[in-house]
Amino acid sequence: MISKSRVKNLRWRLGIKGCLAVDSRGKRGGIALFWDESIQVNLNSIECYIDVSIVDDLNAAPWRATFIYGEPHIADRHRMWEILQRLKTRSQESWVVIGDFNGLCGNMSISLKLNKGKGKWRSFGKFLTLL
């Protein structure tokens, strides 16, 4: 389980100055982002994800990163896709999305063999074309 207070304690034990965290919901979810003080990280928004602008070279343009943890329930995964579609429109910076896609991708071969999950793959494919 991830909690902001545990993340802050870990940050100090690791000797890292920067951190952000989203608490777990029960035994699911939660995410933490740590960074070195030589990198400038500006928070854009934080909910069930962490969306930041990053400057890692003063001579280079900032870039954007969104760190997500997927919805634990398959029926609710469309919410994360909708959030990412909204986030896409907020900036023209180069953008990377990093997260736990195992719940969606990990069972691909099994679900396709069993003819289950075709709908979620269609939805995910449609989402990718919108990004």
C-alpha atoms as a PDB file:
ATOM      1  CA  MET A   1       0.000   0.000   0.000  1.00  0.00           C
ATOM      2  CA  ILE A   2       1.193   3.475  -0.850  1.00  0.00           C
ATOM      3  CA  SER A   3       0.565   6.476   1.360  1.00  0.00           C
ATOM      4  CA  LYS A   4       1.962   9.987   1.038  1.00  0.00           C
ATOM      5  CA  SER A   5       3.492   9.813   4.530  1.00  0.00           C
ATOM      6  CA  ARG A   6       5.289   6.519   3.774  1.00  0.00           C
ATOM      7  CA  VAL A   7       6.565   7.950   0.490  1.00  0.00           C
ATOM      8  CA  LYS A   8       7.919  11.056   2.245  1.00  0.00           C
ATOM      9  CA  ASN A   9       9.710   8.888   4.816  1.00  0.00           C
ATOM     10  CA  LEU A  10      11.195   6.755   2.048  1.00  0.00           C
ATOM     11  CA  ARG A  11      12.297   9.883   0.193  1.00  0.00           C
ATOM     12  CA  TRP A  12      14.360  11.031   3.161  1.00  0.00           C
ATOM     13  CA  ARG A  13      15.832   7.566   3.748  1.00  0.00           C
ATOM     14  CA  LEU A  14      16.911   7.447   0.079  1.00  0.00           C
ATOM     15  CA  GLY A  15      18.290  10.978   0.208  1.00  0.00           C
ATOM     16  CA  ILE A  16      16.043  12.193  -2.606  1.00  0.00           C
ATOM     17  CA  LYS A  17      14.618  15.710  -2.441  1.00  0.00           C
ATOM     18  CA  GLY A  18      11.660  15.511  -4.805  1.00  0.00           C
ATOM     19  CA  CYS A  19       8.602  13.304  -4.583  1.00  0.00           C
ATOM     20  CA  LEU A  20       4.900  13.170  -5.285  1.00  0.00           C
ATOM     21  CA  ALA A  21       2.452  10.426  -4.365  1.00  0.00           C
ATOM     22  CA  VAL A  22      -1.119   9.293  -4.859  1.00  0.00           C
ATOM     23  CA  ASP A  23      -2.479   7.141  -2.042  1.00  0.00           C
ATOM     24  CA  SER A  24      -3.640   3.586  -2.644  1.00  0.00           C
ATOM     25  CA  ARG A  25      -7.344   2.844  -2.633  1.00  0.00           C
ATOM     26  CA  GLY A  26      -7.515  -0.045  -0.237  1.00  0.00           C
ATOM     27  CA  LYS A  27      -4.998  -2.612  -1.444  1.00  0.00           C
ATOM     28  CA  ARG A  28      -5.083  -1.337  -5.022  1.00  0.00           C
ATOM     29  CA  GLY A  29      -3.475   1.449  -6.946  1.00  0.00           C
ATOM     30  CA  GLY A  30      -1.244   4.154  -5.640  1.00  0.00           C
ATOM     31  CA  ILE A  31       1.804   5.605  -7.320  1.00  0.00           C
ATOM     32  CA  ALA A  32       4.894   7.545  -6.312  1.00  0.00           C
ATOM     33  CA  LEU A  33       7.315   9.651  -8.319  1.00  0.00           C
ATOM     34  CA  PHE A  34      10.814  10.445  -7.054  1.00  0.00           C
ATOM     35  CA  TRP A  35      13.362  12.721  -8.715  1.00  0.00           C
ATOM     36  CA  ASP A  36      16.810  14.118  -8.106  1.00  0.00           C
ATOM     37  CA  GLU A  37      17.168  17.788  -7.221  1.00  0.00           C
ATOM     38  CA  SER A  38      19.111  18.408 -10.442  1.00  0.00           C
ATOM     39  CA  ILE A  39      15.863  17.926 -12.366  1.00  0.00           C
ATOM     40  CA  GLN A  40      13.086  20.517 -12.311  1.00  0.00           C
ATOM     41  CA  VAL A  41       9.648  18.914 -12.018  1.00  0.00           C
ATOM     42  CA  ASN A  42       6.513  21.057 -12.155  1.00  0.00           C
ATOM     43  CA  LEU A  43       3.216  19.492 -11.179  1.00  0.00           C
ATOM     44  CA  ASN A  44       0.431  19.964 -13.723  1.00  0.00           C
ATOM     45  CA  SER A  45      -2.184  17.814 -11.993  1.00  0.00           C
ATOM     46  CA  ILE A  46      -2.493  14.859  -9.660  1.00  0.00           C
ATOM     47  CA  GLU A  47      -5.454  12.523  -9.188  1.00  0.00           C
ATOM     48  CA  CYS A  48      -5.219   8.815  -9.996  1.00  0.00           C
ATOM     49  CA  TYR A  49      -2.150   9.817 -11.999  1.00  0.00           C
ATOM     50  CA  ILE A  50       0.742  12.261 -11.730  1.00  0.00           C
ATOM     51  CA  ASP A  51       1.113  14.684 -14.651  1.00  0.00           C
ATOM     52  CA  VAL A  52       4.278  16.802 -14.679  1.00  0.00           C
ATOM     53  CA  SER A  53       6.433  19.008 -16.885  1.00  0.00           C
ATOM     54  CA  ILE A  54      10.124  18.188 -16.665  1.00  0.00           C
ATOM     55  CA  VAL A  55      13.237  20.220 -17.357  1.00  0.00           C
ATOM     56  CA  ASP A  56      16.276  17.970 -17.226  1.00  0.00           C
ATOM     57  CA  ASP A  57      18.545  20.205 -19.334  1.00  0.00           C
ATOM     58  CA  LEU A  58      18.422  23.983 -18.995  1.00  0.00           C
ATOM     59  CA  ASN A  59      19.277  24.312 -22.700  1.00  0.00           C
ATOM     60  CA  ALA A  60      16.428  22.042 -23.818  1.00  0.00           C
ATOM     61  CA  ALA A  61      12.685  22.468 -23.987  1.00  0.00           C
ATOM     62  CA  PRO A  62      10.607  21.032 -21.166  1.00  0.00           C
ATOM     63  CA  TRP A  63       8.805  17.769 -21.785  1.00  0.00           C
ATOM     64  CA  ARG A  64       5.823  16.224 -20.167  1.00  0.00           C
ATOM     65  CA  ALA A  65       5.317  12.922 -18.398  1.00  0.00           C
ATOM     66  CA  THR A  66       2.173  11.327 -17.053  1.00  0.00           C
ATOM     67  CA  PHE A  67       2.549   8.451 -14.625  1.00  0.00           C
ATOM     68  CA  ILE A  68      -0.554   6.321 -14.177  1.00  0.00           C
ATOM     69  CA  TYR A  69      -1.812   3.276 -12.426  1.00  0.00           C
ATOM     70  CA  GLY A  70      -4.639   1.574 -14.211  1.00  0.00           C
ATOM     71  CA  GLU A  71      -8.119   1.133 -12.913  1.00  0.00           C
ATOM     72  CA  PRO A  72      -8.283  -2.110 -10.940  1.00  0.00           C
ATOM     73  CA  HIS A  73     -11.720  -3.010 -12.331  1.00  0.00           C
ATOM     74  CA  ILE A  74     -11.955  -3.816 -16.047  1.00  0.00           C
ATOM     75  CA  ALA A  75     -15.338  -2.116 -16.337  1.00  0.00           C
ATOM     76  CA  ASP A  76     -13.797   1.188 -15.155  1.00  0.00           C
ATOM     77  CA  ARG A  77     -10.680   1.208 -17.354  1.00  0.00           C
ATOM     78  CA  HIS A  78     -12.332   3.471 -19.905  1.00  0.00           C
ATOM     79  CA  ARG A  79     -12.087   6.242 -17.276  1.00  0.00           C
ATOM     80  CA  MET A  80      -8.287   6.252 -17.473  1.00  0.00           C
ATOM     81  CA  TRP A  81      -8.409   6.359 -21.254  1.00  0.00           C
ATOM     82  CA  GLU A  82     -10.788   9.329 -21.068  1.00  0.00           C
ATOM     83  CA  ILE A  83      -8.508  11.106 -18.596  1.00  0.00           C
ATOM     84  CA  LEU A  84      -5.496  10.592 -20.880  1.00  0.00           C
ATOM     85  CA  GLN A  85      -7.439  11.966 -23.843  1.00  0.00           C
ATOM     86  CA  ARG A  86      -8.218  15.123 -21.835  1.00  0.00           C
ATOM     87  CA  LEU A  87      -4.633  15.434 -20.625  1.00  0.00           C
ATOM     88  CA  LYS A  88      -3.368  15.225 -24.194  1.00  0.00           C
ATOM     89  CA  THR A  89      -4.997  18.550 -25.055  1.00  0.00           C
ATOM     90  CA  ARG A  90      -3.414  20.461 -22.170  1.00  0.00           C
ATOM     91  CA  SER A  91       0.062  20.922 -23.620  1.00  0.00           C
ATOM     92  CA  GLN A  92       2.094  20.947 -26.804  1.00  0.00           C
ATOM     93  CA  GLU A  93       5.206  19.602 -25.028  1.00  0.00           C
ATOM     94  CA  SER A  94       6.639  16.239 -26.027  1.00  0.00           C
ATOM     95  CA  TRP A  95       4.744  13.721 -23.904  1.00  0.00           C
ATOM     96  CA  VAL A  96       5.387  10.268 -22.504  1.00  0.00           C
ATOM     97  CA  VAL A  97       2.869   8.146 -20.591  1.00  0.00           C
ATOM     98  CA  ILE A  98       4.303   5.611 -18.171  1.00  0.00           C
ATOM     99  CA  GLY A  99       2.297   3.206 -16.103  1.00  0.00           C
ATOM    100  CA  ASP A 100       1.102  -0.219 -15.186  1.00  0.00           C
ATOM    101  CA  PHE A 101      -0.520  -1.575 -18.313  1.00  0.00           C
ATOM    102  CA  ASN A 102      -0.077  -5.192 -17.173  1.00  0.00           C
ATOM    103  CA  GLY A 103      -3.734  -5.539 -16.265  1.00  0.00           C
ATOM    104  CA  LEU A 104      -4.609  -4.753 -19.837  1.00  0.00           C
ATOM    105  CA  CYS A 105      -1.700  -6.244 -21.753  1.00  0.00           C
ATOM    106  CA  GLY A 106      -0.655  -9.130 -19.521  1.00  0.00           C
ATOM    107  CA  ASN A 107      -3.604 -11.346 -20.347  1.00  0.00           C
ATOM    108  CA  MET A 108      -3.785 -10.568 -24.064  1.00  0.00           C
ATOM    109  CA  SER A 109      -2.943 -14.011 -25.409  1.00  0.00           C
ATOM    110  CA  ILE A 110      -5.114 -15.810 -22.874  1.00  0.00           C
ATOM    111  CA  SER A 111      -8.121 -13.545 -23.379  1.00  0.00           C
ATOM    112  CA  LEU A 112      -7.869 -13.719 -27.161  1.00  0.00           C
ATOM    113  CA  LYS A 113      -7.623 -17.522 -27.093  1.00  0.00           C
ATOM    114  CA  LEU A 114     -10.696 -17.724 -24.918  1.00  0.00           C
ATOM    115  CA  ASN A 115     -12.536 -15.135 -27.049  1.00  0.00           C
ATOM    116  CA  LYS A 116     -12.806 -12.919 -24.016  1.00  0.00           C
ATOM    117  CA  GLY A 117     -11.706  -9.328 -23.856  1.00  0.00           C
ATOM    118  CA  LYS A 118     -12.145  -8.484 -27.538  1.00  0.00           C
ATOM    119  CA  GLY A 119     -14.240  -5.471 -26.561  1.00  0.00           C
ATOM    120  CA  LYS A 120     -11.599  -4.080 -24.239  1.00  0.00           C
ATOM    121  CA  TRP A 121      -8.958  -4.441 -26.972  1.00  0.00           C
ATOM    122  CA  ARG A 122     -11.179  -2.629 -29.456  1.00  0.00           C
ATOM    123  CA  SER A 123     -11.704   0.145 -26.902  1.00  0.00           C
ATOM    124  CA  PHE A 124      -7.991   0.369 -26.172  1.00  0.00           C
ATOM    125  CA  GLY A 125      -7.153   0.432 -29.888  1.00  0.00           C
ATOM    126  CA  LYS A 126      -9.659   3.220 -30.433  1.00  0.00           C
ATOM    127  CA  PHE A 127      -8.118   5.124 -27.536  1.00  0.00           C
ATOM    128  CA  LEU A 128      -4.614   4.828 -29.014  1.00  0.00           C
ATOM    129  CA  THR A 129      -5.758   6.250 -32.343  1.00  0.00           C
ATOM    130  CA  LEU A 130      -7.120   9.309 -30.537  1.00  0.00           C
ATOM    131  CA  LEU A 131      -3.764  10.064 -28.931  1.00  0.00           C
END
